[in-house]
Amino acid sequence: MSQTKGVKLDDTTRQRLAALARIRDRSPHWLMCKAIETFLDREEHYEQEKREDMERWERYQLTGVAVPHEKAAAWMENLAQGKVTSCPT
């Protein structure tokens, strides 16, 4: 269900939004929705990363187990070469 929310924009921001909307052949409303969606995606991802980092830190504090430098360096090299895409847990 959609719900209307008001956003107050200063004149400069409103003009920039209108100009970009014309260039992109989109409505200002569409651009604002996309901007909010992009912001939320980025910030939610950031918060997830923070949670995962905290879990790793807590696990390290409990166990004292850490990844040796050599293993981390090898993984980073594989990541740079596209051989892996995610961080091992």
Protein backbone atom coordinates (compact mmCIF):
# COMPACT_ATOMS: atom_id res chain seq x y z
CA MET A 1 0.00 0.00 0.00
CA SER A 2 1.37 3.40 -0.94
CA GLN A 3 1.28 6.32 1.41
CA THR A 4 2.08 9.93 0.70
CA LYS A 5 4.89 11.56 2.68
CA GLY A 6 5.82 15.20 2.34
CA VAL A 7 9.39 16.34 1.77
CA LYS A 8 10.31 20.01 1.96
CA LEU A 9 12.95 20.96 -0.58
CA ASP A 10 14.73 24.27 -0.90
CA ASP A 11 14.46 26.10 -4.23
CA THR A 12 17.90 25.04 -5.45
CA THR A 13 17.24 21.35 -4.77
CA ARG A 14 13.80 21.57 -6.35
CA GLN A 15 15.29 23.18 -9.49
CA ARG A 16 18.04 20.56 -9.71
CA LEU A 17 15.47 17.81 -9.34
CA ALA A 18 13.27 19.30 -12.07
CA ALA A 19 16.24 19.72 -14.41
CA LEU A 20 17.39 16.15 -13.94
CA ALA A 21 13.83 14.88 -14.37
CA ARG A 22 13.64 16.63 -17.74
CA ILE A 23 17.01 15.24 -18.84
CA ARG A 24 16.10 11.70 -17.79
CA ASP A 25 12.53 11.98 -19.10
CA ARG A 26 11.23 10.95 -15.67
CA SER A 27 9.06 12.67 -13.13
CA PRO A 28 10.60 14.35 -10.09
CA HIS A 29 8.52 11.93 -8.01
CA TRP A 30 10.13 8.94 -9.72
CA LEU A 31 13.62 10.35 -9.11
CA MET A 32 12.85 10.96 -5.43
CA CYS A 33 11.53 7.42 -5.00
CA LYS A 34 14.63 5.98 -6.70
CA ALA A 35 16.93 8.14 -4.57
CA ILE A 36 15.24 7.00 -1.36
CA GLU A 37 15.31 3.36 -2.47
CA THR A 38 19.02 3.59 -3.36
CA PHE A 39 19.80 5.27 -0.05
CA LEU A 40 17.91 2.63 1.93
CA ASP A 41 19.60 -0.22 0.05
CA ARG A 42 23.04 1.25 0.75
CA GLU A 43 22.37 2.02 4.41
CA GLU A 44 20.75 -1.36 5.09
CA HIS A 45 23.77 -3.06 3.56
CA TYR A 46 26.06 -0.93 5.75
CA GLU A 47 24.10 -1.89 8.88
CA GLN A 48 24.24 -5.58 7.91
CA GLU A 49 28.02 -5.31 7.50
CA LYS A 50 28.29 -3.67 10.92
CA ARG A 51 26.25 -6.49 12.50
CA GLU A 52 28.41 -9.13 10.85
CA ASP A 53 31.59 -7.34 11.95
CA MET A 54 30.34 -7.22 15.53
CA GLU A 55 29.47 -10.92 15.42
CA ARG A 56 32.97 -11.71 14.15
CA TRP A 57 34.52 -9.54 16.85
CA GLU A 58 32.44 -11.21 19.57
CA ARG A 59 33.36 -14.65 18.20
CA TYR A 60 37.04 -13.67 18.26
CA GLN A 61 36.77 -12.39 21.84
CA LEU A 62 35.17 -15.67 22.93
CA THR A 63 37.45 -18.05 21.03
CA GLY A 64 40.65 -16.12 20.33
CA VAL A 65 40.62 -17.70 16.87
CA ALA A 66 41.75 -15.39 14.08
CA VAL A 67 42.63 -15.81 10.42
CA PRO A 68 46.40 -16.01 9.92
CA HIS A 69 47.95 -13.29 7.76
CA GLU A 70 49.03 -15.76 5.07
CA LYS A 71 45.52 -17.16 4.69
CA ALA A 72 43.99 -13.66 4.54
CA ALA A 73 46.56 -12.52 1.97
CA ALA A 74 45.89 -15.57 -0.21
CA TRP A 75 42.14 -14.99 -0.03
CA MET A 76 42.58 -11.31 -0.96
CA GLU A 77 44.72 -12.29 -3.95
CA ASN A 78 42.02 -14.71 -5.12
CA LEU A 79 39.39 -12.01 -4.62
CA ALA A 80 41.41 -9.56 -6.73
CA GLN A 81 41.64 -12.18 -9.50
CA GLY A 82 37.89 -12.89 -9.37
CA LYS A 83 38.32 -16.44 -8.13
CA VAL A 84 36.18 -15.82 -5.02
CA THR A 85 33.41 -13.32 -4.36
CA SER A 86 32.62 -13.57 -0.68
CA CYS A 87 34.42 -13.52 2.63
CA PRO A 88 34.99 -16.88 4.32
CA THR A 89 33.46 -17.11 7.79
